[in-house]
Amino acid sequence: MNRVAAAPWAAGGFCFPCSQILGNEGKWPGPPDWMAALKLDFALLSLFSWNAKCNVEGMKIRIQHRTAYRYAEPVRLGPHRVMVRPREGHDLHIESSILTIRPAHTVHWMRDVNGNSIALVDFTERADEMMIYSELVLDHYDSDPLDFRVEPYAVHYPFVYDPWTLPELTAFTHIVFPTDAERVRQWLGQFWEPGKLVETVSLLKRLNRFVSETFTYTRRDEFGVQRPSRTLEKNSGSCRDFATLFIEACRSWGLAARFVSGYMLCEATEAGHASTHAWAEVYLPGAGWKGFDPTSGTVVGSQHVAVAVSRHPEAATPISGSFTGVPAVFLGIEVDVKLEQLDKPYSSPQQPSLFPMQQQDQTQPLPLPREHVKEQELENTPPLPDPRRRDEAGATDDSGISSGINIGMS
């Protein structure tokens, strides 16, 4: 009777069942000629793919992100969710990463419903300082953000998503601020009127540029995002506010859109002492999720590094958590983000880390110099209305934080 087993040999990552070629003794005689040929084909394909990748023009970027929280006395730190690891894919590869957290803790990793990589941190001791430091080196290959195709039926707006895709996208078409929907629709009348046909990408790019060119950017340290109606009323907001307005506008048109928090390589972040950034993504049939940054008015490319995506603008905060104690003991937060293109031609000598330390691949408590631990990371800054809970909402220079305590909250 023949035995059934899986072949110990695989070509290009594919394993072949070998029940038909195992003898009565169940011994592996080696791959037959057709398998050897297939293995060679895979080898050539792999070589071709590697060469193609090497020819892709990309950037090597180093990201340093440090957040520190200070308290007047030791407090009990509750569980924290940390989202600082970029979303890897065909256009982004993480070469190395360091995540250091203080005080003593345990950490478990998970992916949420959106595929975001989350570090779940449980602290095991009280402390008057908490610090989270992330340093990454990555290769980004999305150098031509406009090089994409859209399915013929979606080239012009309005269109309807196909029945296979629509169920997956429905949650991303639901408006988050329904009481603002009518105000947003009125505002959108200048871009498109029912009954007219317009090129989809051109419509989105026009909306993207309009927000960047006609709205005033302001740094906001308050927690959460600004309602779209408020942004329209003030004609100003932070990057996360502009992203929220853009998302709600797209959803008013029936397009699937989501919020993105991450980093942006620009003059401000290269200088250091910056913060995270926020933008929007719209699902275009044939092209997938395409990013639009209404703060800069650009289509997202290799200068943008996405870390977390979410249907709701307030669910993609880089760091969120709580601590137990009296609100008055919270002294402040310090966030420091720096991006550097390492393969930039004629670049100056590499600058030292924001937080030098021995290379480590996983989270470990380290005896760090006291002067380096300054604030806990909530991509924004100062304490929020209720200093009982802290959240870091990823956004350029602001990410809405609510740092503080909740008496009795763990």
Protein backbone atom coordinates (compact mmCIF):
# COMPACT_ATOMS: atom_id res chain seq x y z
CA MET A 1 0.00 0.00 0.00
CA ASN A 2 1.43 3.36 -1.00
CA ARG A 3 2.06 5.93 1.72
CA VAL A 4 1.02 9.52 1.31
CA ALA A 5 3.42 12.26 2.40
CA ALA A 6 4.42 15.80 1.56
CA ALA A 7 7.55 16.21 -0.48
CA PRO A 8 10.50 17.62 1.47
CA TRP A 9 11.50 19.47 -1.66
CA ALA A 10 9.86 22.67 -2.77
CA ALA A 11 10.39 24.92 -5.73
CA GLY A 12 10.06 28.63 -5.32
CA GLY A 13 8.05 28.26 -2.15
CA PHE A 14 5.55 25.76 -3.58
CA CYS A 15 5.31 22.30 -2.04
CA PHE A 16 4.20 19.40 -4.19
CA PRO A 17 2.19 16.38 -2.99
CA CYS A 18 4.11 13.23 -3.77
CA SER A 19 1.79 10.33 -3.02
CA GLN A 20 2.02 9.26 -6.66
CA ILE A 21 5.79 8.95 -6.61
CA LEU A 22 6.48 7.36 -3.23
CA GLY A 23 7.23 3.68 -3.42
CA ASN A 24 6.02 0.97 -1.04
CA GLU A 25 8.73 1.92 1.40
CA GLY A 26 7.68 5.53 1.41
CA LYS A 27 11.17 6.73 0.50
CA TRP A 28 11.71 9.95 -1.39
CA PRO A 29 13.49 9.12 -4.67
CA GLY A 30 14.16 12.75 -5.50
CA PRO A 31 12.23 15.04 -7.82
CA PRO A 32 11.29 13.66 -11.24
CA ASP A 33 12.47 15.38 -14.40
CA TRP A 34 9.35 17.55 -14.72
CA MET A 35 9.87 18.79 -11.18
CA ALA A 36 13.52 19.55 -11.84
CA ALA A 37 12.50 21.59 -14.87
CA LEU A 38 9.87 23.37 -12.85
CA LYS A 39 12.41 24.09 -10.14
CA LEU A 40 14.68 25.65 -12.75
CA ASP A 41 11.79 27.75 -14.05
CA PHE A 42 11.10 29.00 -10.54
CA ALA A 43 14.77 29.75 -10.02
CA LEU A 44 14.86 31.82 -13.22
CA LEU A 45 11.63 33.53 -12.22
CA SER A 46 13.06 34.35 -8.80
CA LEU A 47 16.21 35.73 -10.39
CA PHE A 48 14.13 37.85 -12.75
CA SER A 49 12.00 39.13 -9.87
CA TRP A 50 15.06 39.98 -7.81
CA ASN A 51 16.65 41.87 -10.69
CA ALA A 52 13.38 43.68 -11.31
CA LYS A 53 13.25 44.69 -7.67
CA CYS A 54 16.83 45.89 -7.74
CA ASN A 55 16.03 48.07 -10.73
CA VAL A 56 13.11 49.71 -9.00
CA GLU A 57 13.99 53.20 -7.92
CA GLY A 58 13.18 53.55 -4.25
CA MET A 59 14.39 55.16 -1.06
CA LYS A 60 16.00 53.88 2.11
CA ILE A 61 14.52 55.74 5.05
CA ARG A 62 15.32 55.74 8.74
CA ILE A 63 12.50 56.64 11.13
CA GLN A 64 13.11 57.55 14.78
CA HIS A 65 10.05 58.04 16.93
CA ARG A 66 10.27 58.70 20.66
CA THR A 67 7.46 59.47 23.07
CA ALA A 68 7.87 60.03 26.78
CA TYR A 69 5.41 60.70 29.59
CA ARG A 70 6.35 62.19 32.96
CA TYR A 71 4.53 62.08 36.28
CA ALA A 72 5.14 63.84 39.59
CA GLU A 73 5.11 60.48 41.38
CA PRO A 74 5.14 56.79 40.47
CA VAL A 75 1.82 55.74 38.91
CA ARG A 76 0.34 52.45 37.83
CA LEU A 77 0.38 52.22 34.04
CA GLY A 78 -2.53 50.43 32.40
CA PRO A 79 -2.37 48.32 29.21
CA HIS A 80 -1.14 50.19 26.15
CA ARG A 81 -1.63 49.62 22.42
CA VAL A 82 1.34 50.72 20.32
CA MET A 83 1.10 51.10 16.53
CA VAL A 84 4.44 52.31 15.21
CA ARG A 85 5.42 49.47 12.87
CA PRO A 86 4.78 50.37 9.19
CA ARG A 87 2.55 48.25 6.98
CA GLU A 88 4.85 46.10 4.84
CA GLY A 89 4.00 45.09 1.29
CA HIS A 90 5.28 45.02 -2.28
CA ASP A 91 6.11 48.72 -2.01
CA LEU A 92 7.69 48.76 1.46
CA HIS A 93 10.17 46.45 3.18
CA ILE A 94 11.40 46.84 6.75
CA GLU A 95 15.12 46.18 6.88
CA SER A 96 15.59 46.54 10.64
CA SER A 97 13.57 47.62 13.65
CA ILE A 98 14.08 48.47 17.30
CA LEU A 99 11.33 48.95 19.83
CA THR A 100 12.38 49.91 23.33
CA ILE A 101 9.96 50.57 26.16
CA ARG A 102 10.45 51.64 29.74
CA PRO A 103 9.56 50.74 32.54
CA ALA A 104 9.57 46.92 32.86
CA HIS A 105 6.82 45.28 30.84
CA THR A 106 5.67 42.36 28.75
CA VAL A 107 4.62 42.66 25.12
CA HIS A 108 2.51 40.61 22.72
CA TRP A 109 2.02 41.30 19.04
CA MET A 110 -1.19 41.04 17.05
CA ARG A 111 -2.81 42.18 13.82
CA ASP A 112 -6.17 43.86 14.10
CA VAL A 113 -9.13 43.63 11.73
CA ASN A 114 -7.45 46.15 9.40
CA GLY A 115 -4.15 44.28 9.32
CA ASN A 116 -2.36 46.82 11.50
CA SER A 117 0.57 45.48 13.51
CA ILE A 118 -0.07 46.24 17.20
CA ALA A 119 2.18 45.76 20.23
CA LEU A 120 0.07 45.09 23.32
CA VAL A 121 2.10 46.27 26.29
CA ASP A 122 1.44 45.39 29.94
CA PHE A 123 3.62 47.19 32.48
CA THR A 124 4.80 45.25 35.51
CA GLU A 125 5.96 48.07 37.76
CA ARG A 126 5.01 51.58 38.79
CA ALA A 127 6.99 54.47 37.36
CA ASP A 128 7.13 58.26 37.21
CA GLU A 129 8.33 58.11 33.60
CA MET A 130 7.25 56.06 30.61
CA MET A 131 9.13 56.01 27.33
CA ILE A 132 8.49 54.32 24.00
CA TYR A 133 11.17 54.51 21.31
CA SER A 134 10.94 53.05 17.83
CA GLU A 135 13.68 53.11 15.22
CA LEU A 136 13.24 51.57 11.78
CA VAL A 137 15.17 51.38 8.54
CA LEU A 138 13.01 50.58 5.53
CA ASP A 139 13.08 50.49 1.74
CA HIS A 140 10.21 52.29 0.02
CA TYR A 141 9.61 51.56 -3.69
CA ASP A 142 6.49 53.59 -4.47
CA SER A 143 8.44 56.26 -6.34
CA ASP A 144 5.75 56.95 -8.96
CA PRO A 145 2.40 57.29 -7.16
CA LEU A 146 0.55 58.13 -10.39
CA ASP A 147 1.62 54.91 -12.12
CA PHE A 148 -1.55 52.86 -11.65
CA ARG A 149 -4.52 51.59 -13.63
CA VAL A 150 -8.22 51.96 -12.91
CA GLU A 151 -10.83 49.48 -14.12
CA PRO A 152 -12.66 50.83 -17.19
CA TYR A 153 -16.00 51.03 -15.36
CA ALA A 154 -14.45 53.24 -12.64
CA VAL A 155 -12.47 55.62 -14.84
CA HIS A 156 -15.34 58.08 -14.69
CA TYR A 157 -17.47 59.06 -11.72
CA PRO A 158 -20.17 58.22 -10.78
CA PHE A 159 -19.69 54.44 -10.73
CA VAL A 160 -20.74 51.58 -8.46
CA TYR A 161 -18.35 49.02 -6.99
CA ASP A 162 -18.74 45.52 -8.40
CA PRO A 163 -20.84 43.03 -6.37
CA TRP A 164 -17.75 41.04 -5.32
CA THR A 165 -15.92 44.03 -3.88
CA LEU A 166 -18.79 46.03 -2.42
CA PRO A 167 -19.44 43.78 0.64
CA GLU A 168 -15.79 44.17 1.68
CA LEU A 169 -15.91 47.94 1.27
CA THR A 170 -19.31 48.74 2.76
CA ALA A 171 -17.93 49.68 6.19
CA PHE A 172 -15.62 52.21 4.53
CA THR A 173 -18.51 53.95 2.78
CA HIS A 174 -20.45 54.68 5.98
CA ILE A 175 -20.34 58.32 7.06
CA VAL A 176 -18.90 58.82 10.56
CA PHE A 177 -20.48 62.24 11.16
CA PRO A 178 -24.07 61.91 9.83
CA THR A 179 -25.21 65.25 11.28
CA ASP A 180 -22.56 66.97 9.15
CA ALA A 181 -23.45 65.07 5.97
CA GLU A 182 -25.72 67.75 4.47
CA ARG A 183 -23.18 70.51 5.10
CA VAL A 184 -20.46 68.43 3.45
CA ARG A 185 -22.68 67.66 0.43
CA GLN A 186 -23.41 71.35 -0.05
CA TRP A 187 -19.71 72.14 0.03
CA LEU A 188 -19.02 69.40 -2.53
CA GLY A 189 -21.41 70.99 -5.02
CA GLN A 190 -18.55 73.06 -6.43
CA PHE A 191 -16.66 69.91 -7.45
CA TRP A 192 -19.42 67.71 -8.91
CA GLU A 193 -23.13 67.96 -9.65
CA PRO A 194 -25.49 64.99 -10.05
CA GLY A 195 -25.92 63.99 -13.68
CA LYS A 196 -22.44 65.03 -14.72
CA LEU A 197 -19.64 62.64 -15.70
CA VAL A 198 -16.12 63.41 -14.51
CA GLU A 199 -12.83 61.53 -14.46
CA THR A 200 -12.59 59.85 -11.04
CA VAL A 201 -8.90 60.43 -10.32
CA SER A 202 -9.07 64.03 -11.54
CA LEU A 203 -12.01 64.66 -9.22
CA LEU A 204 -10.12 63.30 -6.21
CA LYS A 205 -6.94 65.20 -7.07
CA ARG A 206 -8.90 68.42 -7.44
CA LEU A 207 -10.55 67.97 -4.04
CA ASN A 208 -7.17 67.09 -2.51
CA ARG A 209 -5.48 70.21 -3.88
CA PHE A 210 -8.39 72.46 -2.97
CA VAL A 211 -8.18 71.60 0.73
CA SER A 212 -4.41 72.11 0.72
CA GLU A 213 -4.54 75.42 -1.13
CA THR A 214 -7.58 77.09 0.43
CA PHE A 215 -7.61 75.85 4.04
CA THR A 216 -5.22 77.08 6.73
CA TYR A 217 -3.18 74.45 8.52
CA THR A 218 -3.10 74.82 12.30
CA ARG A 219 -1.61 72.66 14.97
CA ARG A 220 -4.21 71.30 17.36
CA ASP A 221 -3.29 69.59 20.61
CA GLU A 222 -6.83 68.69 21.60
CA PHE A 223 -7.82 65.04 21.61
CA GLY A 224 -9.57 63.50 18.62
CA VAL A 225 -10.50 64.95 15.25
CA GLN A 226 -12.44 68.06 14.36
CA ARG A 227 -15.93 67.58 12.94
CA PRO A 228 -16.07 68.23 9.16
CA SER A 229 -18.61 71.03 9.68
CA ARG A 230 -16.25 72.69 12.14
CA THR A 231 -13.34 72.44 9.70
CA LEU A 232 -15.51 74.01 6.99
CA GLU A 233 -16.70 76.73 9.35
CA LYS A 234 -13.18 77.66 10.49
CA ASN A 235 -11.61 76.95 7.10
CA SER A 236 -8.69 75.52 9.07
CA GLY A 237 -7.55 72.44 10.89
CA SER A 238 -4.77 69.94 11.47
CA CYS A 239 -3.70 67.18 9.13
CA ARG A 240 -6.00 64.70 10.82
CA ASP A 241 -8.89 67.17 10.44
CA PHE A 242 -8.21 67.60 6.73
CA ALA A 243 -7.98 63.82 6.28
CA THR A 244 -11.32 63.42 8.07
CA LEU A 245 -13.00 66.04 5.87
CA PHE A 246 -11.59 64.38 2.74
CA ILE A 247 -12.81 60.94 3.86
CA GLU A 248 -16.32 62.16 4.67
CA ALA A 249 -16.44 63.94 1.30
CA CYS A 250 -15.52 60.76 -0.55
CA ARG A 251 -18.07 58.74 1.40
CA SER A 252 -20.72 61.33 0.51
CA TRP A 253 -19.97 60.41 -3.11
CA GLY A 254 -20.33 56.70 -2.31
CA LEU A 255 -16.59 56.01 -2.45
CA ALA A 256 -14.83 53.78 0.06
CA ALA A 257 -12.29 55.79 2.07
CA ARG A 258 -10.23 55.22 5.21
CA PHE A 259 -8.02 57.15 7.62
CA VAL A 260 -4.25 56.60 7.64
CA SER A 261 -1.69 57.54 10.29
CA GLY A 262 2.02 57.33 9.67
CA TYR A 263 5.05 59.38 8.76
CA MET A 264 6.05 61.77 6.01
CA LEU A 265 9.57 62.51 4.82
CA CYS A 266 9.85 66.27 4.43
CA GLU A 267 11.97 69.19 5.57
CA ALA A 268 10.21 69.41 8.93
CA THR A 269 10.62 65.74 9.82
CA GLU A 270 14.21 65.64 8.59
CA ALA A 271 15.05 68.36 11.09
CA GLY A 272 13.60 66.33 13.95
CA HIS A 273 11.29 67.42 16.78
CA ALA A 274 8.35 66.68 14.47
CA SER A 275 5.31 64.46 14.87
CA THR A 276 3.37 61.86 12.95
CA HIS A 277 1.18 62.58 9.96
CA ALA A 278 -2.32 61.68 8.75
CA TRP A 279 -3.91 61.37 5.32
CA ALA A 280 -6.67 59.46 3.51
CA GLU A 281 -6.93 56.48 1.19
CA VAL A 282 -9.65 55.84 -1.38
CA TYR A 283 -10.34 52.45 -2.94
CA LEU A 284 -10.17 52.63 -6.74
CA PRO A 285 -11.08 49.44 -8.65
CA GLY A 286 -8.00 48.15 -10.46
CA ALA A 287 -5.62 50.34 -8.45
CA GLY A 288 -6.58 49.37 -4.90
CA TRP A 289 -6.21 51.74 -1.96
CA LYS A 290 -4.64 54.98 -3.19
CA GLY A 291 -3.47 57.66 -0.77
CA PHE A 292 -4.36 61.35 -0.95
CA ASP A 293 -2.78 63.88 1.41
CA PRO A 294 -5.04 66.95 1.65
CA THR A 295 -2.53 68.71 3.91
CA SER A 296 0.18 68.78 1.23
CA GLY A 297 -2.18 68.40 -1.74
CA THR A 298 -0.20 65.46 -3.09
CA VAL A 299 -0.92 61.88 -4.10
CA VAL A 300 0.79 59.63 -1.56
CA GLY A 301 4.09 58.10 -2.67
CA SER A 302 7.44 56.99 -1.28
CA GLN A 303 7.67 60.01 1.05
CA HIS A 304 4.67 58.71 2.99
CA VAL A 305 5.00 55.71 5.29
CA ALA A 306 1.67 54.23 6.40
CA VAL A 307 1.57 52.69 9.88
CA ALA A 308 -2.13 52.19 10.63
CA VAL A 309 -5.41 52.41 8.74
CA SER A 310 -8.92 52.58 10.12
CA ARG A 311 -12.53 53.20 9.13
CA HIS A 312 -12.88 55.69 11.99
CA PRO A 313 -10.45 58.64 12.16
CA GLU A 314 -9.94 58.22 15.90
CA ALA A 315 -9.07 54.51 15.81
CA ALA A 316 -5.58 54.77 14.30
CA THR A 317 -3.75 56.43 17.18
CA PRO A 318 -0.07 55.46 17.37
CA ILE A 319 -0.20 54.96 21.13
CA SER A 320 -3.14 54.65 23.49
CA GLY A 321 -3.42 53.60 27.10
CA SER A 322 -4.16 54.75 30.63
CA PHE A 323 -2.71 55.13 34.09
CA THR A 324 -4.08 55.21 37.60
CA GLY A 325 -3.48 58.21 39.82
CA VAL A 326 -4.54 61.77 40.52
CA PRO A 327 -4.80 63.86 37.31
CA ALA A 328 -2.54 66.53 38.77
CA VAL A 329 0.45 64.15 38.84
CA PHE A 330 0.64 64.14 35.06
CA LEU A 331 3.44 66.54 34.08
CA GLY A 332 3.50 66.33 30.33
CA ILE A 333 4.31 64.53 27.10
CA GLU A 334 7.14 64.88 24.67
CA VAL A 335 6.99 63.52 21.12
CA ASP A 336 9.96 63.55 18.81
CA VAL A 337 9.84 62.19 15.26
CA LYS A 338 12.68 62.32 12.77
CA LEU A 339 12.93 60.85 9.26
CA GLU A 340 16.09 60.64 7.20
CA GLN A 341 16.75 59.38 3.69
CA LEU A 342 19.86 57.26 4.11
CA ASP A 343 20.64 56.81 0.41
CA LYS A 344 20.24 60.47 -0.48
CA PRO A 345 22.97 61.54 -2.93
CA TYR A 346 25.67 63.71 -1.39
CA SER A 347 23.94 63.56 1.97
CA SER A 348 25.67 64.80 5.06
CA PRO A 349 27.14 62.32 7.53
CA GLN A 350 24.53 60.21 9.27
CA GLN A 351 23.24 61.91 12.37
CA PRO A 352 23.16 60.14 15.72
CA SER A 353 19.96 58.51 16.91
CA LEU A 354 17.40 60.46 18.87
CA PHE A 355 17.88 57.83 21.49
CA PRO A 356 21.15 55.89 21.00
CA MET A 357 21.11 52.35 22.30
CA GLN A 358 22.37 48.89 21.56
CA GLN A 359 20.71 47.20 18.62
CA GLN A 360 17.86 44.99 19.72
CA ASP A 361 15.19 43.25 17.79
CA GLN A 362 12.48 43.09 20.39
CA THR A 363 11.03 45.13 23.17
CA GLN A 364 13.19 45.17 26.27
CA PRO A 365 13.34 47.39 29.32
CA LEU A 366 16.65 49.22 29.38
CA PRO A 367 18.33 51.33 32.05
CA LEU A 368 18.02 54.57 30.09
CA PRO A 369 19.46 57.90 31.15
CA ARG A 370 16.85 59.93 32.99
CA GLU A 371 17.31 62.95 30.77
CA HIS A 372 16.18 60.98 27.74
CA VAL A 373 12.84 59.97 29.20
CA LYS A 374 10.53 62.88 28.82
CA GLU A 375 7.04 62.10 27.63
CA GLN A 376 4.78 59.40 26.64
CA GLU A 377 3.92 59.05 23.04
CA LEU A 378 0.67 60.26 21.74
CA GLU A 379 1.59 61.77 18.49
CA ASN A 380 0.33 65.06 19.55
CA THR A 381 1.34 66.76 22.60
CA PRO A 382 -0.01 68.24 25.78
CA PRO A 383 -2.53 66.68 28.11
CA LEU A 384 -6.10 66.73 27.00
CA PRO A 385 -9.30 67.67 28.58
CA ASP A 386 -9.36 64.57 30.69
CA PRO A 387 -5.84 63.80 31.85
CA ARG A 388 -7.10 60.46 32.94
CA ARG A 389 -6.61 58.70 29.68
CA ARG A 390 -3.93 59.18 27.15
CA ASP A 391 -4.03 58.50 23.45
CA GLU A 392 -1.63 59.33 20.73
CA ALA A 393 -3.51 60.20 17.60
CA GLY A 394 -1.18 60.04 14.66
CA ALA A 395 -1.12 63.30 12.85
CA THR A 396 1.42 65.75 11.73
CA ASP A 397 2.49 67.60 14.76
CA ASP A 398 -0.73 66.77 16.39
CA SER A 399 -2.51 63.60 17.04
CA GLY A 400 -4.95 64.33 19.64
CA ILE A 401 -3.93 62.95 22.92
CA SER A 402 -5.68 62.49 26.12
CA SER A 403 -3.06 61.89 28.66
CA GLY A 404 -3.97 61.35 32.17
CA ILE A 405 -5.35 59.12 34.73
CA ASN A 406 -8.50 57.45 35.63
CA ILE A 407 -8.82 56.86 39.29
CA GLY A 408 -9.50 53.21 39.78
CA MET A 409 -8.79 52.46 36.11
CA SER A 410 -6.12 49.90 35.43
